[in-house]
Protein backbone atom coordinates (compact mmCIF):
# COMPACT_ATOMS: atom_id res chain seq x y z
CA MET A 1 0.25 -0.31 -0.06
CA ARG A 2 2.95 2.28 0.74
CA GLN A 3 4.47 1.71 -2.59
CA GLU A 4 1.13 2.52 -4.62
CA MET A 5 0.38 5.63 -2.38
CA LYS A 6 4.22 7.01 -3.54
CA ARG A 7 3.10 5.93 -7.26
CA GLU A 8 2.99 9.06 -9.15
CA GLY A 9 -0.87 9.20 -10.61
CA SER A 10 -1.97 6.31 -7.81
CA GLU A 11 -5.89 7.21 -8.03
CA TYR A 12 -6.25 5.68 -4.02
CA ALA A 13 -2.90 7.51 -2.99
CA SER A 14 -5.31 9.83 -0.76
CA ILE A 15 -7.46 7.26 0.51
CA ILE A 16 -4.32 5.13 1.43
CA GLU A 17 -2.84 7.84 3.17
CA GLN A 18 -6.40 9.01 4.76
CA ASN A 19 -6.73 5.48 5.99
CA MET A 20 -3.08 4.99 7.31
CA ARG A 21 -2.92 8.79 8.78
CA ALA A 22 -6.74 7.27 10.96
CA GLY A 23 -5.33 3.95 11.80
CA THR A 24 -8.33 2.39 9.96
CA VAL A 25 -8.26 -0.15 7.67
CA ALA A 26 -9.03 0.67 3.89
CA PRO A 27 -11.65 -0.73 1.59
CA LYS A 28 -11.33 -3.97 0.38
CA GLU A 29 -12.61 -2.37 -3.31
CA VAL A 30 -9.22 -0.65 -2.82
CA THR A 31 -6.74 -2.88 -1.22
CA ILE A 32 -7.51 -6.05 -2.93
CA PRO A 33 -7.61 -4.70 -6.69
CA ILE A 34 -4.12 -3.19 -6.05
CA LEU A 35 -2.86 -6.19 -4.72
CA LYS A 36 -3.96 -8.40 -7.67
CA SER A 37 -2.19 -5.88 -9.53
CA HIS A 38 1.05 -6.07 -7.72
CA MET A 39 0.85 -10.33 -7.58
CA LEU A 40 0.55 -10.44 -11.22
CA ALA A 41 3.47 -8.55 -12.35
CA GLU A 42 5.44 -10.43 -9.74
CA SER A 43 4.38 -13.51 -10.86
CA ARG A 44 4.64 -12.99 -14.58
CA GLN A 45 8.65 -12.97 -12.88
CA GLY A 46 8.21 -16.33 -11.60
CA THR A 47 7.51 -15.28 -8.38
CA ASP A 48 5.39 -17.84 -7.12
CA LEU A 49 4.82 -17.05 -2.93
CA PHE A 50 3.41 -14.09 -1.76
CA VAL A 51 3.77 -12.51 2.12
CA LEU A 52 1.15 -10.26 2.76
CA ASP A 53 2.06 -7.67 5.78
CA GLY A 54 -0.87 -6.69 7.94
CA PHE A 55 -3.16 -8.33 5.27
CA PRO A 56 -5.81 -9.16 5.41
CA ARG A 57 -6.80 -7.17 8.46
CA ASN A 58 -10.77 -8.21 8.10
CA LEU A 59 -13.45 -10.92 7.30
CA ASP A 60 -14.30 -8.79 3.92
CA GLN A 61 -10.68 -8.27 2.69
CA ALA A 62 -10.46 -12.04 3.17
CA GLN A 63 -13.35 -13.35 2.09
CA PHE A 64 -13.16 -10.87 -1.18
CA PHE A 65 -9.67 -11.65 -1.48
CA GLU A 66 -9.79 -15.24 -1.82
CA ASP A 67 -13.16 -14.97 -4.19
CA THR A 68 -11.49 -12.24 -6.85
CA VAL A 69 -7.57 -13.40 -6.17
CA ALA A 70 -6.63 -16.70 -4.72
CA PRO A 71 -7.13 -19.07 -1.54
CA ILE A 72 -4.98 -17.59 1.26
CA GLN A 73 -2.65 -20.83 2.19
CA PHE A 74 -2.13 -19.78 5.47
CA VAL A 75 -1.69 -17.21 8.23
CA ILE A 76 1.51 -16.06 10.38
CA VAL A 77 0.78 -14.13 13.63
CA LEU A 78 3.13 -12.41 15.93
CA GLU A 79 2.56 -12.82 19.11
CA CYS A 80 4.10 -10.00 21.02
CA PRO A 81 2.90 -7.65 23.88
CA ASP A 82 1.86 -4.52 22.91
CA ALA A 83 4.45 -2.60 25.51
CA ILE A 84 6.84 -3.90 23.06
CA LEU A 85 5.10 -3.40 19.73
CA ILE A 86 5.10 0.22 21.19
CA ASP A 87 8.41 0.57 21.64
CA ARG A 88 9.18 -1.30 18.24
CA LEU A 89 6.82 0.84 16.64
CA LEU A 90 7.76 4.58 17.60
CA PRO A 91 11.28 4.99 16.69
CA ARG A 92 10.24 4.51 13.21
CA GLU A 93 9.16 7.80 12.73
CA ARG A 94 6.84 6.92 9.95
CA PHE A 95 3.54 9.04 9.33
CA ASP A 96 1.23 6.53 10.60
CA ASP A 97 2.92 5.54 14.01
CA SER A 98 2.01 8.26 16.11
CA LEU A 99 1.29 6.32 19.47
CA GLU A 100 -2.33 7.65 19.03
CA ASN A 101 -2.47 5.58 15.78
CA ILE A 102 -0.66 2.82 16.83
CA HIS A 103 -3.40 2.35 19.66
CA ARG A 104 -6.34 2.58 17.20
CA ARG A 105 -4.40 -0.40 14.76
CA LEU A 106 -4.59 -2.40 18.29
CA HIS A 107 -7.88 -1.54 19.20
CA THR A 108 -8.52 -2.96 15.12
CA PHE A 109 -6.71 -5.79 15.43
CA ARG A 110 -8.24 -7.24 18.68
CA GLN A 111 -11.69 -5.76 17.12
CA THR A 112 -11.48 -7.05 13.93
CA THR A 113 -8.54 -9.09 13.00
CA SER A 114 -8.97 -11.24 15.70
CA LYS A 115 -11.75 -12.64 13.99
CA VAL A 116 -9.45 -13.32 10.20
CA LEU A 117 -7.33 -15.33 12.85
CA HIS A 118 -9.99 -17.43 14.13
CA LEU A 119 -11.60 -17.83 10.74
CA PHE A 120 -8.03 -19.44 9.79
CA HIS A 121 -7.59 -21.25 12.44
CA GLY A 122 -11.00 -23.10 12.12
CA ARG A 123 -9.47 -24.33 9.61
CA GLY A 124 -5.93 -24.70 10.24
CA LYS A 125 -4.15 -22.48 8.50
CA VAL A 126 -2.57 -20.24 11.38
CA LYS A 127 1.22 -20.35 12.57
CA THR A 128 2.28 -18.05 15.39
CA VAL A 129 5.75 -16.83 15.82
CA LYS A 130 6.70 -15.52 19.16
CA ALA A 131 7.89 -12.08 17.90
CA ASP A 132 9.01 -10.62 21.53
CA ASP A 133 12.25 -11.83 20.84
CA ASP A 134 15.45 -10.48 19.38
CA VAL A 135 14.71 -9.20 15.79
CA GLU A 136 17.24 -12.27 14.40
CA SER A 137 15.40 -14.78 16.28
CA ILE A 138 11.97 -13.52 14.62
CA HIS A 139 13.27 -13.91 11.49
CA GLN A 140 15.18 -17.41 11.92
CA GLN A 141 10.81 -18.57 12.50
CA LEU A 142 9.66 -17.11 9.73
CA VAL A 143 12.23 -18.42 7.51
CA GLU A 144 11.51 -21.70 8.55
CA ILE A 145 8.08 -21.58 7.97
CA LEU A 146 8.22 -19.68 5.02
CA GLN A 147 10.47 -22.67 3.74
CA SER A 148 8.32 -24.79 4.71
CA ARG A 149 5.65 -24.02 3.44
CA GLN A 150 7.78 -23.92 -0.18
CA ARG A 151 9.03 -27.26 -0.05
CA GLU A 152 5.73 -28.73 0.78
CA SER A 153 4.23 -27.01 -2.65
CA GLN A 154 7.22 -27.06 -4.76
CA GLY A 155 10.25 -28.84 -2.90
CA GLY A 156 12.58 -25.81 -3.45
CA GLU A 157 14.11 -23.37 -1.49
CA ILE A 158 13.61 -19.70 -1.09
CA ALA A 159 16.12 -16.69 -0.73
CA THR A 160 15.88 -14.68 2.09
CA THR A 161 17.15 -11.25 3.26
CA ASN A 162 17.33 -9.75 6.86
CA GLU A 163 16.12 -6.16 5.57
CA GLN A 164 13.08 -4.33 6.22
CA VAL A 165 11.13 -3.76 3.58
CA GLU A 166 8.82 -1.00 3.29
């Protein structure tokens, strides 16, 4: 979404920015077409595994994505106490990382995204990472989950990076 917001001439830039500033979920009619477009472009380049950070955030998005793009194979939950999350988010100095906004996002997670987790948990599609560990440990847990999935689907290894992606 950040990439789309920054893209010259994006018809969705202002909607995305407004939702980010407000700490709210953008409408599925905005998020899904953007994701689908980017995923199709990447799949033409040979990408066959996608990690959608922070998505889906509500049941509407999850259902619409599965109806119009593809089934969601699994969801990774990073479990971490609020205090640690806040300590990690505030220093990033992004326009949408104010303390008030972080609290709104945590509220949205508890009220809305938790329902998505419940849905996928019922399908046996939730994988949990203990995210109050150090960054390297979290990274390793994520790599193991993704490599396991890659091996299941096609027997290959995936390239990994420790760099933060915006």
